[in-house]
Amino acid sequence: MSGANPYTKHLVITKERIAHVVADAIPALACSLPHDIVCALESAYQREQQENASSRAAFALDVLMKNAHVAADEARPLCQDTGSVWVCLEVGPNVCVQGDVFSLVNEEVARAYITHKLRCSLVRNALFDRTNTGNNTPAFCEMHACDAPGARVHIMLKGGGSDNASRIVMLPPSAGKQGIIDEILRCVHEKAANACPPLLVGIGVGATFDKVAHLAKMALMRPLDVPARDSETQAFEQELLDAINATGIGAAALGGKTTALGVRVETAPCHIAALPLAINMGCCAMRRASYEL
């Protein structure tokens, strides 16, 4: 044996590196829509305008696009609800991670929200102390292993309205595909208007009660111009999108053809007696980005 260190070719992720990414991401995400969302809004506006140029749907989409342009040009928040901060570190087999890799994140979140005058929306305890923390901490951080080499940081600023419209349902296996569709449409009918449409809908199917929500949230991270990894999932996403848009709820819940800009589905194995389903609504201010380390 050569005696070489087997870890010399490994990528080492430090707490400083994660904190730096978060610090740079927050002001950019708060003020700028991702390119795929901007393009989807513009396409939706063109469809609505061709149908009826004076419709409320066309007007609402036009306002959303103007809002996005002003926010980006003037470095102002897209929405008064600047969200809770979600940070997900995804690591491959060639990655070494410090045990305290998230320990500096809250410090950077607090600095970013105070420096850039973003609204602080976190309370100290959901049940016993609803006092605002005053700096939008804590961030909600998690780490997951994956087969792909390297490491990625997924960051989302998630508004309260869209999260409130989300849900987890433990369906019986007999519900099948149609039961999933029915439950998603029920959620859309009941909650979409409060989630600031047009929406990006993340769907998780499978795993366990505590894991299926992560599937749905990760689904929201896949850009609209990136297709699903297989044709079956692609077809199901399109079927769901068509069904959601057929509700006629529309942009700003004012009617029209565009209740959702896209649907993203992630699936996983599960117990034979289970069919977990998570629906994570993303609002029209879909502030998310992924960064390769």
C-alpha atoms as a PDB file:
ATOM      1  CA  MET A   1       0.000   0.000   0.000  1.00  0.00           C
ATOM      2  CA  SER A   2       1.197   3.480  -0.795  1.00  0.00           C
ATOM      3  CA  GLY A   3       0.003   4.899   2.498  1.00  0.00           C
ATOM      4  CA  ALA A   4      -1.895   7.701   0.717  1.00  0.00           C
ATOM      5  CA  ASN A   5      -4.748   9.285   2.582  1.00  0.00           C
ATOM      6  CA  PRO A   6      -7.983   7.882   1.054  1.00  0.00           C
ATOM      7  CA  TYR A   7      -9.741  11.175   1.802  1.00  0.00           C
ATOM      8  CA  THR A   8      -7.384  13.492  -0.114  1.00  0.00           C
ATOM      9  CA  LYS A   9      -9.653  13.564  -3.165  1.00  0.00           C
ATOM     10  CA  HIS A  10     -12.770  14.141  -1.130  1.00  0.00           C
ATOM     11  CA  LEU A  11     -14.607  17.447  -1.142  1.00  0.00           C
ATOM     12  CA  VAL A  12     -14.688  18.935   2.361  1.00  0.00           C
ATOM     13  CA  ILE A  13     -17.690  21.105   3.181  1.00  0.00           C
ATOM     14  CA  THR A  14     -17.068  23.594   5.969  1.00  0.00           C
ATOM     15  CA  LYS A  15     -19.471  25.646   8.032  1.00  0.00           C
ATOM     16  CA  GLU A  16     -17.893  28.798   6.585  1.00  0.00           C
ATOM     17  CA  ARG A  17     -18.646  27.674   3.042  1.00  0.00           C
ATOM     18  CA  ILE A  18     -22.317  26.978   3.807  1.00  0.00           C
ATOM     19  CA  ALA A  19     -22.700  30.285   5.649  1.00  0.00           C
ATOM     20  CA  HIS A  20     -21.163  32.164   2.709  1.00  0.00           C
ATOM     21  CA  VAL A  21     -23.614  30.594   0.244  1.00  0.00           C
ATOM     22  CA  VAL A  22     -26.592  31.420   2.460  1.00  0.00           C
ATOM     23  CA  ALA A  23     -25.427  34.998   2.994  1.00  0.00           C
ATOM     24  CA  ASP A  24     -25.131  35.603  -0.752  1.00  0.00           C
ATOM     25  CA  ALA A  25     -28.378  33.818  -1.605  1.00  0.00           C
ATOM     26  CA  ILE A  26     -30.862  35.551   0.695  1.00  0.00           C
ATOM     27  CA  PRO A  27     -30.864  39.103  -0.742  1.00  0.00           C
ATOM     28  CA  ALA A  28     -30.771  37.753  -4.296  1.00  0.00           C
ATOM     29  CA  LEU A  29     -33.657  35.346  -3.744  1.00  0.00           C
ATOM     30  CA  ALA A  30     -35.759  37.899  -1.877  1.00  0.00           C
ATOM     31  CA  CYS A  31     -35.626  40.337  -4.789  1.00  0.00           C
ATOM     32  CA  SER A  32     -35.304  38.259  -7.965  1.00  0.00           C
ATOM     33  CA  LEU A  33     -37.542  35.555  -9.390  1.00  0.00           C
ATOM     34  CA  PRO A  34     -35.772  32.543 -10.915  1.00  0.00           C
ATOM     35  CA  HIS A  35     -35.491  32.734 -14.695  1.00  0.00           C
ATOM     36  CA  ASP A  36     -37.771  29.732 -15.266  1.00  0.00           C
ATOM     37  CA  ILE A  37     -40.564  31.319 -13.201  1.00  0.00           C
ATOM     38  CA  VAL A  38     -40.263  34.625 -15.071  1.00  0.00           C
ATOM     39  CA  CYS A  39     -40.486  32.808 -18.403  1.00  0.00           C
ATOM     40  CA  ALA A  40     -43.494  30.807 -17.216  1.00  0.00           C
ATOM     41  CA  LEU A  41     -45.299  33.979 -16.110  1.00  0.00           C
ATOM     42  CA  GLU A  42     -44.632  35.596 -19.479  1.00  0.00           C
ATOM     43  CA  SER A  43     -45.934  32.536 -21.333  1.00  0.00           C
ATOM     44  CA  ALA A  44     -49.032  32.460 -19.163  1.00  0.00           C
ATOM     45  CA  TYR A  45     -49.629  36.166 -19.816  1.00  0.00           C
ATOM     46  CA  GLN A  46     -49.399  35.614 -23.578  1.00  0.00           C
ATOM     47  CA  ARG A  47     -51.948  32.781 -23.381  1.00  0.00           C
ATOM     48  CA  GLU A  48     -54.381  34.830 -21.338  1.00  0.00           C
ATOM     49  CA  GLN A  49     -53.961  37.895 -23.539  1.00  0.00           C
ATOM     50  CA  GLN A  50     -54.635  35.897 -26.695  1.00  0.00           C
ATOM     51  CA  GLU A  51     -57.791  34.547 -25.079  1.00  0.00           C
ATOM     52  CA  ASN A  52     -58.977  37.926 -23.801  1.00  0.00           C
ATOM     53  CA  ALA A  53     -56.581  40.871 -23.628  1.00  0.00           C
ATOM     54  CA  SER A  54     -58.807  42.743 -21.174  1.00  0.00           C
ATOM     55  CA  SER A  55     -59.393  39.796 -18.837  1.00  0.00           C
ATOM     56  CA  ARG A  56     -58.674  39.946 -15.123  1.00  0.00           C
ATOM     57  CA  ALA A  57     -56.271  37.012 -15.579  1.00  0.00           C
ATOM     58  CA  ALA A  58     -54.153  38.937 -18.098  1.00  0.00           C
ATOM     59  CA  PHE A  59     -54.206  41.975 -15.827  1.00  0.00           C
ATOM     60  CA  ALA A  60     -53.095  39.951 -12.784  1.00  0.00           C
ATOM     61  CA  LEU A  61     -50.224  38.298 -14.660  1.00  0.00           C
ATOM     62  CA  ASP A  62     -49.123  41.650 -16.069  1.00  0.00           C
ATOM     63  CA  VAL A  63     -48.989  43.077 -12.542  1.00  0.00           C
ATOM     64  CA  LEU A  64     -46.949  40.085 -11.325  1.00  0.00           C
ATOM     65  CA  MET A  65     -44.425  40.526 -14.124  1.00  0.00           C
ATOM     66  CA  LYS A  66     -44.123  44.271 -13.491  1.00  0.00           C
ATOM     67  CA  ASN A  67     -43.665  43.561  -9.809  1.00  0.00           C
ATOM     68  CA  ALA A  68     -40.849  41.114 -10.614  1.00  0.00           C
ATOM     69  CA  HIS A  69     -39.094  43.628 -12.854  1.00  0.00           C
ATOM     70  CA  VAL A  70     -39.349  46.473 -10.323  1.00  0.00           C
ATOM     71  CA  ALA A  71     -38.146  44.206  -7.496  1.00  0.00           C
ATOM     72  CA  ALA A  72     -35.099  43.100  -9.480  1.00  0.00           C
ATOM     73  CA  ASP A  73     -34.256  46.587 -10.795  1.00  0.00           C
ATOM     74  CA  GLU A  74     -34.593  48.320  -7.434  1.00  0.00           C
ATOM     75  CA  ALA A  75     -33.389  45.440  -5.216  1.00  0.00           C
ATOM     76  CA  ARG A  76     -36.678  45.384  -3.334  1.00  0.00           C
ATOM     77  CA  PRO A  77     -38.440  42.295  -1.976  1.00  0.00           C
ATOM     78  CA  LEU A  78     -40.810  40.538  -4.365  1.00  0.00           C
ATOM     79  CA  CYS A  79     -43.307  40.129  -1.535  1.00  0.00           C
ATOM     80  CA  GLN A  80     -43.784  41.574   1.935  1.00  0.00           C
ATOM     81  CA  ASP A  81     -43.613  38.001   3.264  1.00  0.00           C
ATOM     82  CA  THR A  82     -39.904  37.335   2.814  1.00  0.00           C
ATOM     83  CA  GLY A  83     -40.360  33.836   4.136  1.00  0.00           C
ATOM     84  CA  SER A  84     -38.685  31.372   6.422  1.00  0.00           C
ATOM     85  CA  VAL A  85     -35.247  30.196   5.310  1.00  0.00           C
ATOM     86  CA  TRP A  86     -34.881  26.529   4.319  1.00  0.00           C
ATOM     87  CA  VAL A  87     -31.400  25.172   3.655  1.00  0.00           C
ATOM     88  CA  CYS A  88     -30.820  21.631   2.422  1.00  0.00           C
ATOM     89  CA  LEU A  89     -27.297  20.297   1.952  1.00  0.00           C
ATOM     90  CA  GLU A  90     -27.159  17.355  -0.434  1.00  0.00           C
ATOM     91  CA  VAL A  91     -23.894  15.399  -0.333  1.00  0.00           C
ATOM     92  CA  GLY A  92     -22.484  12.668  -2.532  1.00  0.00           C
ATOM     93  CA  PRO A  93     -20.224   9.732  -1.608  1.00  0.00           C
ATOM     94  CA  ASN A  94     -17.014  11.728  -2.144  1.00  0.00           C
ATOM     95  CA  VAL A  95     -17.936  14.466   0.344  1.00  0.00           C
ATOM     96  CA  CYS A  96     -16.762  15.027   3.917  1.00  0.00           C
ATOM     97  CA  VAL A  97     -18.905  17.293   6.081  1.00  0.00           C
ATOM     98  CA  GLN A  98     -18.049  19.043   9.321  1.00  0.00           C
ATOM     99  CA  GLY A  99     -20.286  17.988  12.170  1.00  0.00           C
ATOM    100  CA  ASP A 100     -21.284  21.603  12.860  1.00  0.00           C
ATOM    101  CA  VAL A 101     -21.744  22.491   9.191  1.00  0.00           C
ATOM    102  CA  PHE A 102     -24.895  24.566   9.834  1.00  0.00           C
ATOM    103  CA  SER A 103     -23.631  26.320  12.975  1.00  0.00           C
ATOM    104  CA  LEU A 104     -23.019  29.696  11.269  1.00  0.00           C
ATOM    105  CA  VAL A 105     -26.196  29.766   9.182  1.00  0.00           C
ATOM    106  CA  ASN A 106     -28.406  31.554  11.717  1.00  0.00           C
ATOM    107  CA  GLU A 107     -25.807  34.288  12.131  1.00  0.00           C
ATOM    108  CA  GLU A 108     -25.820  34.965   8.390  1.00  0.00           C
ATOM    109  CA  VAL A 109     -29.615  34.778   8.147  1.00  0.00           C
ATOM    110  CA  ALA A 110     -29.968  37.366  10.906  1.00  0.00           C
ATOM    111  CA  ARG A 111     -27.383  39.641   9.279  1.00  0.00           C
ATOM    112  CA  ALA A 112     -29.021  39.372   5.852  1.00  0.00           C
ATOM    113  CA  TYR A 113     -32.559  40.068   7.063  1.00  0.00           C
ATOM    114  CA  ILE A 114     -31.530  43.040   9.192  1.00  0.00           C
ATOM    115  CA  THR A 115     -29.046  44.539   6.711  1.00  0.00           C
ATOM    116  CA  HIS A 116     -31.410  44.281   3.737  1.00  0.00           C
ATOM    117  CA  LYS A 117     -34.476  45.274   5.794  1.00  0.00           C
ATOM    118  CA  LEU A 118     -36.403  42.107   5.022  1.00  0.00           C
ATOM    119  CA  ARG A 119     -39.470  41.270   7.087  1.00  0.00           C
ATOM    120  CA  CYS A 120     -38.798  38.932   9.997  1.00  0.00           C
ATOM    121  CA  SER A 121     -41.506  36.297  10.231  1.00  0.00           C
ATOM    122  CA  LEU A 122     -40.334  33.663  12.739  1.00  0.00           C
ATOM    123  CA  VAL A 123     -41.774  33.215  16.231  1.00  0.00           C
ATOM    124  CA  ARG A 124     -39.882  31.717  19.150  1.00  0.00           C
ATOM    125  CA  ASN A 125     -42.183  28.776  19.736  1.00  0.00           C
ATOM    126  CA  ALA A 126     -45.179  27.726  17.663  1.00  0.00           C
ATOM    127  CA  LEU A 127     -47.271  26.836  20.727  1.00  0.00           C
ATOM    128  CA  PHE A 128     -45.932  28.526  23.851  1.00  0.00           C
ATOM    129  CA  ASP A 129     -44.264  31.766  22.742  1.00  0.00           C
ATOM    130  CA  ARG A 130     -45.489  33.552  19.604  1.00  0.00           C
ATOM    131  CA  THR A 131     -43.032  36.409  20.102  1.00  0.00           C
ATOM    132  CA  ASN A 132     -41.179  37.360  16.924  1.00  0.00           C
ATOM    133  CA  THR A 133     -37.492  36.392  17.095  1.00  0.00           C
ATOM    134  CA  GLY A 134     -36.663  39.725  15.453  1.00  0.00           C
ATOM    135  CA  ASN A 135     -34.088  38.409  12.979  1.00  0.00           C
ATOM    136  CA  ASN A 136     -35.914  35.646  11.052  1.00  0.00           C
ATOM    137  CA  THR A 137     -33.960  32.880  12.740  1.00  0.00           C
ATOM    138  CA  PRO A 138     -33.791  30.007  13.125  1.00  0.00           C
ATOM    139  CA  ALA A 139     -33.286  28.762   9.594  1.00  0.00           C
ATOM    140  CA  PHE A 140     -34.584  25.253   8.949  1.00  0.00           C
ATOM    141  CA  CYS A 141     -31.561  23.190   7.916  1.00  0.00           C
ATOM    142  CA  GLU A 142     -31.173  19.569   6.898  1.00  0.00           C
ATOM    143  CA  MET A 143     -28.659  17.320   5.184  1.00  0.00           C
ATOM    144  CA  HIS A 144     -29.247  14.355   2.862  1.00  0.00           C
ATOM    145  CA  ALA A 145     -26.958  11.843   1.214  1.00  0.00           C
ATOM    146  CA  CYS A 146     -27.276  11.062  -2.489  1.00  0.00           C
ATOM    147  CA  ASP A 147     -25.524   8.956  -5.118  1.00  0.00           C
ATOM    148  CA  ALA A 148     -24.390  11.883  -7.270  1.00  0.00           C
ATOM    149  CA  PRO A 149     -20.821  13.013  -6.588  1.00  0.00           C
ATOM    150  CA  GLY A 150     -20.171  16.470  -5.210  1.00  0.00           C
ATOM    151  CA  ALA A 151     -22.409  18.615  -3.044  1.00  0.00           C
ATOM    152  CA  ARG A 152     -25.271  21.007  -3.590  1.00  0.00           C
ATOM    153  CA  VAL A 153     -27.033  23.513  -1.384  1.00  0.00           C
ATOM    154  CA  HIS A 154     -30.747  24.053  -1.968  1.00  0.00           C
ATOM    155  CA  ILE A 155     -32.174  27.264  -0.498  1.00  0.00           C
ATOM    156  CA  MET A 156     -35.764  28.432  -0.416  1.00  0.00           C
ATOM    157  CA  LEU A 157     -37.453  31.454   1.126  1.00  0.00           C
ATOM    158  CA  LYS A 158     -40.896  29.998   1.823  1.00  0.00           C
ATOM    159  CA  GLY A 159     -43.857  32.269   2.472  1.00  0.00           C
ATOM    160  CA  GLY A 160     -46.448  31.428   5.087  1.00  0.00           C
ATOM    161  CA  GLY A 161     -49.449  31.579   2.757  1.00  0.00           C
ATOM    162  CA  SER A 162     -48.208  28.839   0.448  1.00  0.00           C
ATOM    163  CA  ASP A 163     -47.038  26.611   3.301  1.00  0.00           C
ATOM    164  CA  ASN A 164     -50.423  27.000   5.002  1.00  0.00           C
ATOM    165  CA  ALA A 165     -52.038  25.690   1.812  1.00  0.00           C
ATOM    166  CA  SER A 166     -49.911  22.533   1.871  1.00  0.00           C
ATOM    167  CA  ARG A 167     -50.825  19.183   3.388  1.00  0.00           C
ATOM    168  CA  ILE A 168     -49.806  15.572   4.061  1.00  0.00           C
ATOM    169  CA  VAL A 169     -52.326  12.768   3.612  1.00  0.00           C
ATOM    170  CA  MET A 170     -51.768   9.101   4.384  1.00  0.00           C
ATOM    171  CA  LEU A 171     -53.919   7.449   1.737  1.00  0.00           C
ATOM    172  CA  PRO A 172     -54.792   3.751   1.630  1.00  0.00           C
ATOM    173  CA  PRO A 173     -52.985   1.906  -1.175  1.00  0.00           C
ATOM    174  CA  SER A 174     -56.356   1.188  -2.777  1.00  0.00           C
ATOM    175  CA  ALA A 175     -56.724   4.928  -3.500  1.00  0.00           C
ATOM    176  CA  GLY A 176     -54.161   4.521  -6.279  1.00  0.00           C
ATOM    177  CA  LYS A 177     -53.342   7.157  -8.852  1.00  0.00           C
ATOM    178  CA  GLN A 178     -56.878   8.491  -9.060  1.00  0.00           C
ATOM    179  CA  GLY A 179     -57.030   8.926  -5.305  1.00  0.00           C
ATOM    180  CA  ILE A 180     -53.852  10.994  -5.463  1.00  0.00           C
ATOM    181  CA  ILE A 181     -55.284  13.169  -8.233  1.00  0.00           C
ATOM    182  CA  ASP A 182     -58.539  13.635  -6.324  1.00  0.00           C
ATOM    183  CA  GLU A 183     -56.714  14.658  -3.140  1.00  0.00           C
ATOM    184  CA  ILE A 184     -54.501  17.155  -4.990  1.00  0.00           C
ATOM    185  CA  LEU A 185     -57.499  18.739  -6.710  1.00  0.00           C
ATOM    186  CA  ARG A 186     -59.352  18.883  -3.389  1.00  0.00           C
ATOM    187  CA  CYS A 187     -56.401  20.742  -1.891  1.00  0.00           C
ATOM    188  CA  VAL A 188     -56.273  23.115  -4.870  1.00  0.00           C
ATOM    189  CA  HIS A 189     -60.010  23.875  -4.678  1.00  0.00           C
ATOM    190  CA  GLU A 190     -59.811  24.516  -0.934  1.00  0.00           C
ATOM    191  CA  LYS A 191     -56.484  26.289  -0.611  1.00  0.00           C
ATOM    192  CA  ALA A 192     -55.070  27.573  -3.911  1.00  0.00           C
ATOM    193  CA  ALA A 193     -56.714  30.992  -3.679  1.00  0.00           C
ATOM    194  CA  ASN A 194     -54.918  31.635  -0.368  1.00  0.00           C
ATOM    195  CA  ALA A 195     -51.526  30.529  -1.717  1.00  0.00           C
ATOM    196  CA  CYS A 196     -51.059  33.429  -4.193  1.00  0.00           C
ATOM    197  CA  PRO A 197     -51.519  31.714  -7.575  1.00  0.00           C
ATOM    198  CA  PRO A 198     -50.290  31.021 -10.171  1.00  0.00           C
ATOM    199  CA  LEU A 199     -48.649  28.237  -8.212  1.00  0.00           C
ATOM    200  CA  LEU A 200     -45.791  25.816  -8.516  1.00  0.00           C
ATOM    201  CA  VAL A 201     -47.086  22.598  -6.956  1.00  0.00           C
ATOM    202  CA  GLY A 202     -44.630  20.129  -5.462  1.00  0.00           C
ATOM    203  CA  ILE A 203     -45.903  16.585  -4.987  1.00  0.00           C
ATOM    204  CA  GLY A 204     -44.269  13.833  -2.957  1.00  0.00           C
ATOM    205  CA  VAL A 205     -45.556  10.266  -3.104  1.00  0.00           C
ATOM    206  CA  GLY A 206     -44.086   7.448  -1.034  1.00  0.00           C
ATOM    207  CA  ALA A 207     -41.522   7.000   1.746  1.00  0.00           C
ATOM    208  CA  THR A 208     -42.936   7.547   5.272  1.00  0.00           C
ATOM    209  CA  PHE A 209     -45.000  10.174   7.055  1.00  0.00           C
ATOM    210  CA  ASP A 210     -41.940  12.213   8.014  1.00  0.00           C
ATOM    211  CA  LYS A 211     -40.103  11.810   4.678  1.00  0.00           C
ATOM    212  CA  VAL A 212     -42.842  12.446   2.137  1.00  0.00           C
ATOM    213  CA  ALA A 213     -42.922  16.178   2.901  1.00  0.00           C
ATOM    214  CA  HIS A 214     -39.241  16.391   1.998  1.00  0.00           C
ATOM    215  CA  LEU A 215     -40.014  14.765  -1.352  1.00  0.00           C
ATOM    216  CA  ALA A 216     -42.624  17.442  -2.065  1.00  0.00           C
ATOM    217  CA  LYS A 217     -40.314  20.257  -1.070  1.00  0.00           C
ATOM    218  CA  MET A 218     -37.469  18.905  -3.176  1.00  0.00           C
ATOM    219  CA  ALA A 219     -39.922  18.648  -6.072  1.00  0.00           C
ATOM    220  CA  LEU A 220     -40.333  22.428  -5.905  1.00  0.00           C
ATOM    221  CA  MET A 221     -36.584  22.821  -6.411  1.00  0.00           C
ATOM    222  CA  ARG A 222     -36.641  21.330  -9.913  1.00  0.00           C
ATOM    223  CA  PRO A 223     -36.848  24.186 -12.448  1.00  0.00           C
ATOM    224  CA  LEU A 224     -39.737  24.278 -14.880  1.00  0.00           C
ATOM    225  CA  ASP A 225     -37.376  23.825 -17.820  1.00  0.00           C
ATOM    226  CA  VAL A 226     -35.908  20.610 -16.367  1.00  0.00           C
ATOM    227  CA  PRO A 227     -38.066  17.559 -17.175  1.00  0.00           C
ATOM    228  CA  ALA A 228     -38.664  14.623 -14.873  1.00  0.00           C
ATOM    229  CA  ARG A 229     -36.201  11.751 -15.096  1.00  0.00           C
ATOM    230  CA  ASP A 230     -38.689   9.385 -16.741  1.00  0.00           C
ATOM    231  CA  SER A 231     -41.555   9.656 -19.200  1.00  0.00           C
ATOM    232  CA  GLU A 232     -44.113   8.225 -16.774  1.00  0.00           C
ATOM    233  CA  THR A 233     -43.502  11.003 -14.245  1.00  0.00           C
ATOM    234  CA  GLN A 234     -43.475  13.624 -17.006  1.00  0.00           C
ATOM    235  CA  ALA A 235     -46.873  12.450 -18.223  1.00  0.00           C
ATOM    236  CA  PHE A 236     -48.301  12.473 -14.684  1.00  0.00           C
ATOM    237  CA  GLU A 237     -47.013  15.991 -14.066  1.00  0.00           C
ATOM    238  CA  GLN A 238     -48.697  17.196 -17.246  1.00  0.00           C
ATOM    239  CA  GLU A 239     -51.935  15.421 -16.333  1.00  0.00           C
ATOM    240  CA  LEU A 240     -51.962  17.110 -12.935  1.00  0.00           C
ATOM    241  CA  LEU A 241     -51.122  20.513 -14.418  1.00  0.00           C
ATOM    242  CA  ASP A 242     -53.947  20.255 -16.926  1.00  0.00           C
ATOM    243  CA  ALA A 243     -56.395  19.215 -14.199  1.00  0.00           C
ATOM    244  CA  ILE A 244     -55.321  22.036 -11.851  1.00  0.00           C
ATOM    245  CA  ASN A 245     -55.560  24.672 -14.585  1.00  0.00           C
ATOM    246  CA  ALA A 246     -58.972  23.344 -15.588  1.00  0.00           C
ATOM    247  CA  THR A 247     -60.292  24.490 -12.189  1.00  0.00           C
ATOM    248  CA  GLY A 248     -60.363  28.060 -13.549  1.00  0.00           C
ATOM    249  CA  ILE A 249     -59.138  29.564 -10.267  1.00  0.00           C
ATOM    250  CA  GLY A 250     -56.490  31.471 -12.185  1.00  0.00           C
ATOM    251  CA  ALA A 251     -53.835  34.049 -11.350  1.00  0.00           C
ATOM    252  CA  ALA A 252     -54.588  35.881  -8.089  1.00  0.00           C
ATOM    253  CA  ALA A 253     -57.710  33.668  -7.941  1.00  0.00           C
ATOM    254  CA  LEU A 254     -59.352  36.021 -10.472  1.00  0.00           C
ATOM    255  CA  GLY A 255     -60.130  33.293 -12.988  1.00  0.00           C
ATOM    256  CA  GLY A 256     -58.377  32.196 -16.141  1.00  0.00           C
ATOM    257  CA  LYS A 257     -56.322  29.393 -17.594  1.00  0.00           C
ATOM    258  CA  THR A 258     -53.308  29.576 -15.284  1.00  0.00           C
ATOM    259  CA  THR A 259     -53.860  28.389 -11.748  1.00  0.00           C
ATOM    260  CA  ALA A 260     -50.452  26.688 -11.763  1.00  0.00           C
ATOM    261  CA  LEU A 261     -47.294  27.334 -13.748  1.00  0.00           C
ATOM    262  CA  GLY A 262     -46.098  23.800 -13.224  1.00  0.00           C
ATOM    263  CA  VAL A 263     -46.360  20.597 -11.211  1.00  0.00           C
ATOM    264  CA  ARG A 264     -43.311  18.684 -10.022  1.00  0.00           C
ATOM    265  CA  VAL A 265     -43.536  15.115  -8.700  1.00  0.00           C
ATOM    266  CA  GLU A 266     -41.026  13.078  -6.690  1.00  0.00           C
ATOM    267  CA  THR A 267     -41.729   9.466  -5.747  1.00  0.00           C
ATOM    268  CA  ALA A 268     -40.130   6.887  -3.454  1.00  0.00           C
ATOM    269  CA  PRO A 269     -40.702   3.337  -2.174  1.00  0.00           C
ATOM    270  CA  CYS A 270     -43.104   2.854   0.715  1.00  0.00           C
ATOM    271  CA  HIS A 271     -44.693   0.242   2.972  1.00  0.00           C
ATOM    272  CA  ILE A 272     -47.164  -2.141   1.341  1.00  0.00           C
ATOM    273  CA  ALA A 273     -49.930  -0.792   3.594  1.00  0.00           C
ATOM    274  CA  ALA A 274     -49.257   2.864   2.846  1.00  0.00           C
ATOM    275  CA  LEU A 275     -49.592   5.526   0.173  1.00  0.00           C
ATOM    276  CA  PRO A 276     -48.139   8.734   1.657  1.00  0.00           C
ATOM    277  CA  LEU A 277     -48.915  11.934  -0.244  1.00  0.00           C
ATOM    278  CA  ALA A 278     -47.511  15.410   0.381  1.00  0.00           C
ATOM    279  CA  ILE A 279     -48.649  18.539  -1.437  1.00  0.00           C
ATOM    280  CA  ASN A 280     -46.357  21.552  -1.041  1.00  0.00           C
ATOM    281  CA  MET A 281     -47.750  24.694  -2.611  1.00  0.00           C
ATOM    282  CA  GLY A 282     -45.312  27.238  -3.985  1.00  0.00           C
ATOM    283  CA  CYS A 283     -46.648  30.758  -4.566  1.00  0.00           C
ATOM    284  CA  CYS A 284     -46.057  33.038  -7.554  1.00  0.00           C
ATOM    285  CA  ALA A 285     -43.024  34.430  -5.684  1.00  0.00           C
ATOM    286  CA  MET A 286     -41.214  31.087  -5.908  1.00  0.00           C
ATOM    287  CA  ARG A 287     -37.894  32.074  -4.365  1.00  0.00           C
ATOM    288  CA  ARG A 288     -35.563  29.125  -4.641  1.00  0.00           C
ATOM    289  CA  ALA A 289     -32.164  28.225  -6.028  1.00  0.00           C
ATOM    290  CA  SER A 290     -29.632  25.400  -5.964  1.00  0.00           C
ATOM    291  CA  TYR A 291     -25.886  25.947  -5.755  1.00  0.00           C
ATOM    292  CA  GLU A 292     -23.154  23.490  -6.678  1.00  0.00           C
ATOM    293  CA  LEU A 293     -20.261  23.465  -4.220  1.00  0.00           C
END
